[in-house]
């Protein structure tokens, strides 16, 4: 890969020759269309056309993954050949334009008549091109500094109930969670600026509780306020959080869009917690959509500091292997010589018992380990829930099995007995 080109790889399924389909893809997403047109000179094609750089055929399928009216009209049937395709694109076709980059590597490709399955798998960028986009303002190092957690995982929780609490009630709960010993607290993705708890009232109430805790203990807990909204409103909400001495805001990436997140990133130095809710619509079908590697590349170019990856042995549909590779993607620099790593945020069904498999899988603790029920439903209360998670991670770091560590650590034993029985 050279400085003037970037590359994307795809999984495709087609009853046609994959090499010919790859050429259609390259043409469709650069200078071509289904037929050569006036003005499409050889010089223009040489300068702007995408180029197929690799094709690896995979095992074929006896049935198509998706319906296709174009193929049906032509009477074309299987077998359905599958392949991994690599395509190189000119940087000059994009410029420093994230929305257009996404349109080029994805866009109409999903609708091509030649395919019964297509999935954007990876995006690889040259360093000079990556530097034209946003960088995380805080990333791993900044988040550790702001939370005061320089070693081990940052332990967090989510405000529950999801919705319904007033600003005052939310502040009371946040105060309890701060007292429980958390490093990080976030709003639920479905609670942003509701009538019963508008941000204009909730942010000051919550931050007053955070400041009282900091005055008492020296610990300034990071709170991720969900400011998901239209762009101008998000900027106003972020300014409010900053005025109240907050350190983090959260946005639902898929619904705010690249432009909204880029504008928010440029307008604030606050930690930007990227929530991926809705990502399953892009990812759950193995032959349609966008794999996490490509997905997180695009959002890292928008400048997020944290990315959700779900959790091991969690409550959602993803296999543990997908969670692990997603977490590894987040802590892998997009290019050499540039630390643009972001914090992988683990959540969904996490508790003390998932500390060991998380460590075994990712091999590091540069992560945000969030537990809702695993903290709030602990039989000893929230403080015991936080203690059980810290005890579990300490045991993992020491190489001590959790069951053995639980013999001398009450909160961990309670968690293993209570949540372990439910998991079983």
Protein backbone atom coordinates (compact mmCIF):
# COMPACT_ATOMS: atom_id res chain seq x y z
CA UNK A 1 0.00 0.00 0.00
CA UNK A 2 1.35 3.43 -0.98
CA UNK A 3 0.68 6.87 0.51
CA UNK A 4 -1.73 7.72 -2.29
CA UNK A 5 -4.01 4.69 -1.92
CA UNK A 6 -6.00 2.92 0.81
CA UNK A 7 -7.42 -0.59 0.79
CA UNK A 8 -10.63 -2.33 1.80
CA UNK A 9 -11.37 -6.03 1.87
CA UNK A 10 -14.75 -7.67 1.38
CA UNK A 11 -16.48 -11.01 1.64
CA UNK A 12 -18.65 -11.58 -1.42
CA UNK A 13 -21.12 -14.27 -2.49
CA UNK A 14 -22.15 -14.55 -6.15
CA UNK A 15 -23.17 -17.11 -8.78
CA UNK A 16 -20.84 -15.28 -11.19
CA UNK A 17 -17.08 -15.21 -11.55
CA UNK A 18 -15.79 -13.49 -8.38
CA UNK A 19 -12.99 -11.83 -10.36
CA UNK A 20 -15.50 -10.16 -12.68
CA UNK A 21 -17.68 -9.13 -9.76
CA UNK A 22 -14.65 -7.61 -8.02
CA UNK A 23 -14.00 -5.51 -11.12
CA UNK A 24 -17.62 -4.35 -11.06
CA UNK A 25 -17.18 -3.35 -7.42
CA UNK A 26 -14.00 -1.42 -8.18
CA UNK A 27 -15.63 0.42 -11.05
CA UNK A 28 -18.88 1.16 -9.25
CA UNK A 29 -17.05 2.75 -6.31
CA UNK A 30 -14.66 4.86 -8.36
CA UNK A 31 -14.89 6.16 -11.93
CA UNK A 32 -17.12 3.56 -13.56
CA UNK A 33 -20.68 2.35 -13.85
CA UNK A 34 -22.30 -0.66 -15.51
CA UNK A 35 -21.07 0.50 -18.93
CA UNK A 36 -18.37 2.80 -20.21
CA UNK A 37 -19.56 6.38 -20.62
CA UNK A 38 -18.46 9.46 -22.54
CA UNK A 39 -15.62 11.27 -20.82
CA UNK A 40 -14.30 8.12 -19.14
CA UNK A 41 -10.90 8.32 -20.81
CA UNK A 42 -8.04 5.93 -20.24
CA UNK A 43 -6.14 8.73 -18.49
CA UNK A 44 -9.05 9.39 -16.15
CA UNK A 45 -9.44 5.69 -15.38
CA UNK A 46 -5.73 5.29 -14.67
CA UNK A 47 -5.84 8.23 -12.27
CA UNK A 48 -9.08 7.58 -10.41
CA UNK A 49 -10.16 3.98 -10.80
CA UNK A 50 -10.10 1.56 -7.89
CA UNK A 51 -7.97 -1.54 -8.50
CA UNK A 52 -8.60 -5.14 -7.47
CA UNK A 53 -5.48 -6.27 -5.59
CA UNK A 54 -6.49 -9.71 -4.37
CA UNK A 55 -9.07 -12.47 -4.72
CA UNK A 56 -9.18 -15.58 -2.55
CA UNK A 57 -11.96 -18.04 -3.26
CA UNK A 58 -13.66 -19.68 -0.31
CA UNK A 59 -15.98 -22.66 -0.05
CA UNK A 60 -19.13 -22.17 -2.10
CA UNK A 61 -22.71 -22.36 -0.82
CA UNK A 62 -25.66 -24.37 -2.10
CA UNK A 63 -28.17 -21.61 -1.26
CA UNK A 64 -27.92 -17.82 -1.56
CA UNK A 65 -27.64 -15.84 1.66
CA UNK A 66 -29.89 -13.05 0.38
CA UNK A 67 -32.62 -12.69 -2.27
CA UNK A 68 -31.70 -10.98 -5.53
CA UNK A 69 -34.28 -9.83 -8.08
CA UNK A 70 -31.63 -8.87 -10.66
CA UNK A 71 -30.25 -12.42 -10.80
CA UNK A 72 -33.76 -13.88 -10.79
CA UNK A 73 -34.76 -11.79 -13.81
CA UNK A 74 -31.75 -13.11 -15.67
CA UNK A 75 -32.43 -16.69 -14.62
CA UNK A 76 -28.99 -17.03 -13.00
CA UNK A 77 -28.76 -19.64 -10.27
CA UNK A 78 -26.03 -21.21 -8.12
CA UNK A 79 -23.78 -22.61 -6.97
CA UNK A 80 -23.01 -19.45 -5.07
CA UNK A 81 -19.30 -18.81 -5.05
CA UNK A 82 -17.74 -17.04 -2.11
CA UNK A 83 -14.52 -15.08 -2.03
CA UNK A 84 -12.46 -12.54 -0.13
CA UNK A 85 -11.73 -9.53 -2.32
CA UNK A 86 -9.21 -6.72 -1.76
CA UNK A 87 -9.64 -3.39 -3.54
CA UNK A 88 -7.28 -0.41 -3.53
CA UNK A 89 -8.75 3.10 -3.85
CA UNK A 90 -7.09 6.43 -4.67
CA UNK A 91 -6.86 8.75 -1.66
CA UNK A 92 -7.47 11.68 -4.01
CA UNK A 93 -11.00 10.40 -4.70
CA UNK A 94 -11.89 11.05 -1.06
CA UNK A 95 -9.89 13.89 0.45
CA UNK A 96 -10.34 14.46 4.18
CA UNK A 97 -14.03 13.55 4.01
CA UNK A 98 -15.18 10.80 6.33
CA UNK A 99 -18.75 10.56 5.05
CA UNK A 100 -17.48 10.15 1.50
CA UNK A 101 -14.91 7.59 2.62
CA UNK A 102 -17.75 5.55 4.09
CA UNK A 103 -19.78 5.96 0.90
CA UNK A 104 -16.87 4.66 -1.16
CA UNK A 105 -15.96 1.60 0.90
CA UNK A 106 -19.62 0.68 1.53
CA UNK A 107 -22.41 2.63 -0.16
CA UNK A 108 -24.08 1.02 -3.16
CA UNK A 109 -21.96 -2.12 -2.97
CA UNK A 110 -24.56 -3.75 -0.73
CA UNK A 111 -27.17 -3.34 -3.47
CA UNK A 112 -25.19 -4.71 -6.41
CA UNK A 113 -27.18 -7.09 -8.59
CA UNK A 114 -24.21 -9.39 -9.01
CA UNK A 115 -24.05 -10.45 -5.37
CA UNK A 116 -26.20 -12.44 -2.96
CA UNK A 117 -23.97 -11.45 -0.09
CA UNK A 118 -21.42 -8.70 0.55
CA UNK A 119 -19.68 -7.64 3.73
CA UNK A 120 -17.10 -4.90 4.25
CA UNK A 121 -14.45 -6.66 6.33
CA UNK A 122 -11.40 -4.43 6.83
CA UNK A 123 -10.07 -0.96 6.02
CA UNK A 124 -6.35 -0.19 5.92
CA UNK A 125 -5.06 3.38 5.60
CA UNK A 126 -1.65 4.91 4.88
CA UNK A 127 -0.31 7.04 7.75
CA UNK A 128 -0.45 10.28 5.78
CA UNK A 129 -4.14 9.75 5.00
CA UNK A 130 -5.03 8.77 8.55
CA UNK A 131 -3.48 12.01 9.85
CA UNK A 132 -5.95 14.05 7.81
CA UNK A 133 -8.78 12.92 10.11
CA UNK A 134 -9.64 13.40 13.78
CA UNK A 135 -7.59 11.82 16.55
CA UNK A 136 -8.87 10.84 20.01
CA UNK A 137 -8.43 13.73 22.42
CA UNK A 138 -8.01 11.43 25.42
CA UNK A 139 -7.78 7.80 24.29
CA UNK A 140 -6.35 5.27 26.73
CA UNK A 141 -3.73 7.50 28.39
CA UNK A 142 -6.05 10.48 28.82
CA UNK A 143 -8.89 8.38 30.20
CA UNK A 144 -6.54 6.82 32.74
CA UNK A 145 -5.31 10.25 33.81
CA UNK A 146 -8.82 11.68 34.16
CA UNK A 147 -10.09 8.69 36.15
CA UNK A 148 -6.89 8.39 38.20
CA UNK A 149 -6.58 4.71 37.33
CA UNK A 150 -3.05 4.15 36.05
CA UNK A 151 -3.04 0.36 36.37
CA UNK A 152 -5.64 -2.37 35.95
CA UNK A 153 -9.04 -2.01 34.33
CA UNK A 154 -11.22 1.04 34.84
CA UNK A 155 -14.39 -0.19 36.56
CA UNK A 156 -17.69 1.34 35.60
CA UNK A 157 -21.43 0.97 35.81
CA UNK A 158 -24.57 2.19 34.08
CA UNK A 159 -27.35 4.25 35.65
CA UNK A 160 -30.34 1.98 36.22
CA UNK A 161 -33.34 2.16 35.91
CA UNK A 162 -32.66 3.05 32.27
CA UNK A 163 -35.20 5.88 32.30
CA UNK A 164 -37.64 7.41 34.73
CA UNK A 165 -35.39 8.93 37.41
CA UNK A 166 -35.63 12.66 38.04
CA UNK A 167 -32.46 14.79 38.09
CA UNK A 168 -32.43 14.68 41.88
CA UNK A 169 -32.97 10.92 41.96
CA UNK A 170 -30.24 10.43 39.39
CA UNK A 171 -27.84 12.52 41.47
CA UNK A 172 -28.61 10.44 44.57
CA UNK A 173 -27.86 7.24 42.65
CA UNK A 174 -24.65 8.68 41.22
CA UNK A 175 -23.56 9.68 44.72
CA UNK A 176 -24.09 6.09 45.88
CA UNK A 177 -22.16 4.73 42.91
CA UNK A 178 -19.30 7.13 43.59
CA UNK A 179 -19.24 6.01 47.21
CA UNK A 180 -19.19 2.42 46.00
CA UNK A 181 -15.77 3.08 44.50
CA UNK A 182 -16.44 3.29 40.76
CA UNK A 183 -14.13 4.97 38.27
CA UNK A 184 -16.75 5.53 35.58
CA UNK A 185 -20.54 5.95 35.41
CA UNK A 186 -22.56 6.34 32.24
CA UNK A 187 -26.09 7.09 31.16
CA UNK A 188 -28.02 4.38 29.37
CA UNK A 189 -28.14 4.82 25.61
CA UNK A 190 -31.90 5.34 25.65
CA UNK A 191 -31.76 8.13 28.23
CA UNK A 192 -30.45 11.37 26.74
CA UNK A 193 -32.57 14.48 27.26
CA UNK A 194 -35.98 13.20 28.45
CA UNK A 195 -38.74 15.42 29.77
CA UNK A 196 -38.48 13.93 33.25
CA UNK A 197 -34.71 14.52 33.49
CA UNK A 198 -33.50 17.18 31.03
CA UNK A 199 -29.75 17.56 30.72
CA UNK A 200 -30.02 21.22 31.72
CA UNK A 201 -31.08 20.02 35.18
CA UNK A 202 -29.50 16.57 35.33
CA UNK A 203 -25.92 17.60 34.53
CA UNK A 204 -25.65 20.21 37.34
CA UNK A 205 -27.33 17.88 39.85
CA UNK A 206 -25.10 14.93 39.01
CA UNK A 207 -21.89 16.94 38.85
CA UNK A 208 -22.64 18.51 42.24
CA UNK A 209 -22.66 14.97 43.64
CA UNK A 210 -19.44 14.12 41.80
CA UNK A 211 -17.72 17.24 43.13
CA UNK A 212 -18.82 16.52 46.70
CA UNK A 213 -17.33 13.06 46.40
CA UNK A 214 -14.11 14.50 44.94
CA UNK A 215 -13.85 17.06 47.75
CA UNK A 216 -14.25 14.26 50.28
CA UNK A 217 -12.02 11.60 48.72
CA UNK A 218 -9.91 13.23 46.01
CA UNK A 219 -11.47 10.90 43.44
CA UNK A 220 -13.14 12.61 40.47
CA UNK A 221 -15.39 9.95 38.95
CA UNK A 222 -15.85 10.16 35.19
CA UNK A 223 -19.51 10.43 34.19
CA UNK A 224 -20.48 9.89 30.54
CA UNK A 225 -23.56 12.02 29.97
CA UNK A 226 -25.61 10.84 27.01
CA UNK A 227 -25.87 13.96 24.86
CA UNK A 228 -27.18 12.19 21.72
CA UNK A 229 -29.13 14.81 19.77
CA UNK A 230 -28.88 16.97 16.66
CA UNK A 231 -25.47 18.55 16.17
CA UNK A 232 -25.98 22.02 17.61
CA UNK A 233 -27.73 20.61 20.67
CA UNK A 234 -24.88 18.17 21.29
CA UNK A 235 -22.40 21.03 21.24
CA UNK A 236 -24.50 22.97 23.77
CA UNK A 237 -24.80 19.90 25.99
CA UNK A 238 -21.04 19.32 25.85
CA UNK A 239 -20.40 22.94 26.83
CA UNK A 240 -22.71 22.49 29.82
CA UNK A 241 -20.85 19.35 30.92
CA UNK A 242 -17.52 21.18 30.63
CA UNK A 243 -18.81 24.16 32.66
CA UNK A 244 -19.90 21.76 35.39
CA UNK A 245 -16.39 20.23 35.44
CA UNK A 246 -17.45 17.00 33.79
CA UNK A 247 -14.90 15.03 31.81
CA UNK A 248 -16.94 12.85 29.42
CA UNK A 249 -19.90 12.81 27.08
CA UNK A 250 -21.52 9.90 25.30
CA UNK A 251 -23.18 9.74 21.88
CA UNK A 252 -25.03 7.02 19.97
CA UNK A 253 -22.75 6.87 16.96
CA UNK A 254 -25.01 5.26 14.39
CA UNK A 255 -27.84 7.70 14.92
CA UNK A 256 -25.78 10.89 15.22
CA UNK A 257 -23.81 10.08 12.07
CA UNK A 258 -20.26 10.86 11.04
CA UNK A 259 -20.88 14.57 10.52
CA UNK A 260 -22.47 14.99 13.94
CA UNK A 261 -19.66 13.17 15.74
CA UNK A 262 -16.92 14.95 13.80
CA UNK A 263 -18.44 18.34 14.62
CA UNK A 264 -18.80 17.37 18.27
CA UNK A 265 -15.19 16.17 18.39
CA UNK A 266 -13.89 19.44 16.95
CA UNK A 267 -15.90 21.49 19.45
CA UNK A 268 -14.82 19.81 22.72
CA UNK A 269 -11.83 18.21 24.43
CA UNK A 270 -14.11 16.11 26.64
CA UNK A 271 -13.68 12.36 26.49
CA UNK A 272 -16.03 11.04 23.80
CA UNK A 273 -17.63 7.73 24.74
CA UNK A 274 -18.84 6.11 21.52
CA UNK A 275 -21.89 3.88 21.95
CA UNK A 276 -22.52 1.51 19.07
CA UNK A 277 -26.20 0.67 19.73
CA UNK A 278 -27.76 -0.47 16.48
CA UNK A 279 -24.52 -2.01 15.22
CA UNK A 280 -26.17 -5.43 15.16
CA UNK A 281 -28.18 -4.29 12.14
CA UNK A 282 -24.89 -3.92 10.27
CA UNK A 283 -23.11 -6.98 11.59
CA UNK A 284 -25.21 -9.96 12.63
CA UNK A 285 -25.56 -11.56 9.20
CA UNK A 286 -22.18 -13.10 8.28
CA UNK A 287 -22.63 -12.23 4.57
CA UNK A 288 -24.02 -8.74 4.87
CA UNK A 289 -22.97 -5.47 6.43
CA UNK A 290 -19.81 -4.27 8.10
CA UNK A 291 -17.36 -6.16 10.30
CA UNK A 292 -16.18 -4.43 13.45
CA UNK A 293 -12.64 -3.81 12.22
CA UNK A 294 -13.92 -1.62 9.39
CA UNK A 295 -16.64 -0.10 11.57
CA UNK A 296 -14.25 1.00 14.30
CA UNK A 297 -11.78 2.42 11.78
CA UNK A 298 -14.44 4.81 10.49
CA UNK A 299 -15.51 5.94 13.96
CA UNK A 300 -11.93 6.33 15.15
CA UNK A 301 -11.41 8.69 12.23
CA UNK A 302 -14.27 10.73 13.71
CA UNK A 303 -12.25 11.07 16.92
CA UNK A 304 -13.96 8.90 19.53
CA UNK A 305 -12.03 7.94 22.69
CA UNK A 306 -14.02 4.84 23.74
CA UNK A 307 -15.72 2.14 21.67
CA UNK A 308 -18.23 -0.42 22.92
CA UNK A 309 -17.35 -4.05 22.21
CA UNK A 310 -20.02 -5.84 24.33
CA UNK A 311 -18.68 -8.45 26.77
CA UNK A 312 -17.52 -12.02 27.13
CA UNK A 313 -20.20 -14.51 28.11
CA UNK A 314 -22.61 -11.58 27.90
CA UNK A 315 -26.29 -11.18 27.24
CA UNK A 316 -26.06 -10.29 23.55
CA UNK A 317 -25.78 -12.44 20.43
CA UNK A 318 -22.10 -11.99 19.61
CA UNK A 319 -19.73 -14.92 20.00
CA UNK A 320 -16.91 -14.37 22.48
CA UNK A 321 -14.42 -14.53 19.61
CA UNK A 322 -16.02 -11.47 18.01
CA UNK A 323 -15.89 -9.56 21.29
CA UNK A 324 -12.20 -10.41 21.68
CA UNK A 325 -11.21 -9.40 18.15
CA UNK A 326 -13.21 -6.18 18.54
CA UNK A 327 -11.33 -5.31 21.73
CA UNK A 328 -8.01 -6.03 20.02
CA UNK A 329 -8.97 -3.81 17.10
CA UNK A 330 -9.57 -0.89 19.49
CA UNK A 331 -6.05 -1.08 20.96
CA UNK A 332 -4.31 -1.59 17.62
CA UNK A 333 -2.96 1.67 16.10
CA UNK A 334 -4.46 2.30 12.67
CA UNK A 335 -1.02 3.19 11.32
CA UNK A 336 2.58 2.90 12.46
CA UNK A 337 4.04 5.73 14.49
CA UNK A 338 0.73 7.12 15.73
CA UNK A 339 -0.93 6.29 19.06
CA UNK A 340 -4.59 6.56 18.14
CA UNK A 341 -5.72 3.65 20.29
CA UNK A 342 -9.11 3.89 21.97
CA UNK A 343 -10.51 2.31 25.12
CA UNK A 344 -12.52 -0.88 24.50
CA UNK A 345 -15.65 -0.64 26.65
CA UNK A 346 -16.85 -4.03 27.87
CA UNK A 347 -20.47 -4.29 29.02
CA UNK A 348 -23.57 -6.47 28.86
CA UNK A 349 -23.81 -9.11 31.54
CA UNK A 350 -20.37 -8.48 33.04
CA UNK A 351 -19.53 -9.34 36.65
CA UNK A 352 -16.58 -10.55 38.72
CA UNK A 353 -16.69 -13.98 37.11
CA UNK A 354 -16.02 -12.62 33.61
CA UNK A 355 -12.74 -10.95 34.64
CA UNK A 356 -10.70 -14.12 34.11
CA UNK A 357 -12.01 -14.96 30.62
CA UNK A 358 -11.62 -11.32 29.62
CA UNK A 359 -7.98 -11.30 30.69
CA UNK A 360 -7.33 -14.69 29.14
CA UNK A 361 -8.74 -13.47 25.84
CA UNK A 362 -7.31 -9.95 25.50
CA UNK A 363 -4.18 -10.23 27.63
CA UNK A 364 -4.23 -6.69 28.99
CA UNK A 365 -6.26 -4.38 31.24
CA UNK A 366 -6.32 -1.23 29.12
CA UNK A 367 -10.09 -1.40 29.11
CA UNK A 368 -13.29 -0.17 30.66
CA UNK A 369 -15.07 -2.99 32.49
CA UNK A 370 -18.70 -1.99 33.02
CA UNK A 371 -21.20 -3.95 35.06
CA UNK A 372 -24.80 -2.97 35.72
CA UNK A 373 -26.46 -5.88 37.48
CA UNK A 374 -23.03 -7.29 38.36
CA UNK A 375 -22.62 -4.31 40.68
CA UNK A 376 -26.09 -3.08 41.54
CA UNK A 377 -27.54 -6.57 42.12
CA UNK A 378 -24.65 -7.87 44.21
CA UNK A 379 -26.12 -9.36 47.42
CA UNK A 380 -23.82 -7.16 49.50
CA UNK A 381 -24.82 -3.96 47.72
CA UNK A 382 -23.11 -1.78 45.11
CA UNK A 383 -19.90 -1.24 47.11
CA UNK A 384 -19.54 -4.99 47.49
CA UNK A 385 -20.23 -5.39 43.78
CA UNK A 386 -17.40 -3.02 42.88
CA UNK A 387 -15.13 -4.69 45.43
CA UNK A 388 -15.87 -8.12 43.95
CA UNK A 389 -14.80 -6.95 40.49
CA UNK A 390 -11.62 -5.35 41.78
CA UNK A 391 -10.85 -8.49 43.78
CA UNK A 392 -11.40 -10.63 40.70
CA UNK A 393 -9.07 -8.54 38.55
CA UNK A 394 -6.46 -8.48 41.31
CA UNK A 395 -6.60 -12.27 41.48
CA UNK A 396 -6.27 -12.48 37.71
CA UNK A 397 -3.20 -10.22 37.81
CA UNK A 398 -1.70 -12.44 40.51
CA UNK A 399 -2.44 -15.60 38.57
CA UNK A 400 -4.70 -16.92 41.31
CA UNK A 401 -7.88 -18.81 40.32
CA UNK A 402 -11.02 -16.91 41.31
CA UNK A 403 -12.38 -19.77 43.40
CA UNK A 404 -9.17 -19.83 45.40
CA UNK A 405 -9.08 -16.06 45.80
CA UNK A 406 -12.70 -16.10 46.99
CA UNK A 407 -11.73 -18.07 50.10
CA UNK A 408 -10.27 -14.92 51.62
CA UNK A 409 -12.28 -12.26 49.78
CA UNK A 410 -15.88 -12.14 50.93
CA UNK A 411 -17.32 -9.90 48.21
CA UNK A 412 -15.81 -12.07 45.48
CA UNK A 413 -17.18 -15.21 47.13
CA UNK A 414 -20.64 -13.65 47.33
CA UNK A 415 -20.48 -12.74 43.65
CA UNK A 416 -19.36 -16.19 42.58
CA UNK A 417 -22.07 -17.84 44.68
CA UNK A 418 -24.84 -15.48 43.54
CA UNK A 419 -24.07 -14.69 39.89
CA UNK A 420 -22.30 -17.98 39.26
CA UNK A 421 -25.43 -19.89 40.23
CA UNK A 422 -27.49 -17.74 37.83
CA UNK A 423 -24.97 -18.24 35.02
CA UNK A 424 -25.05 -21.98 35.57
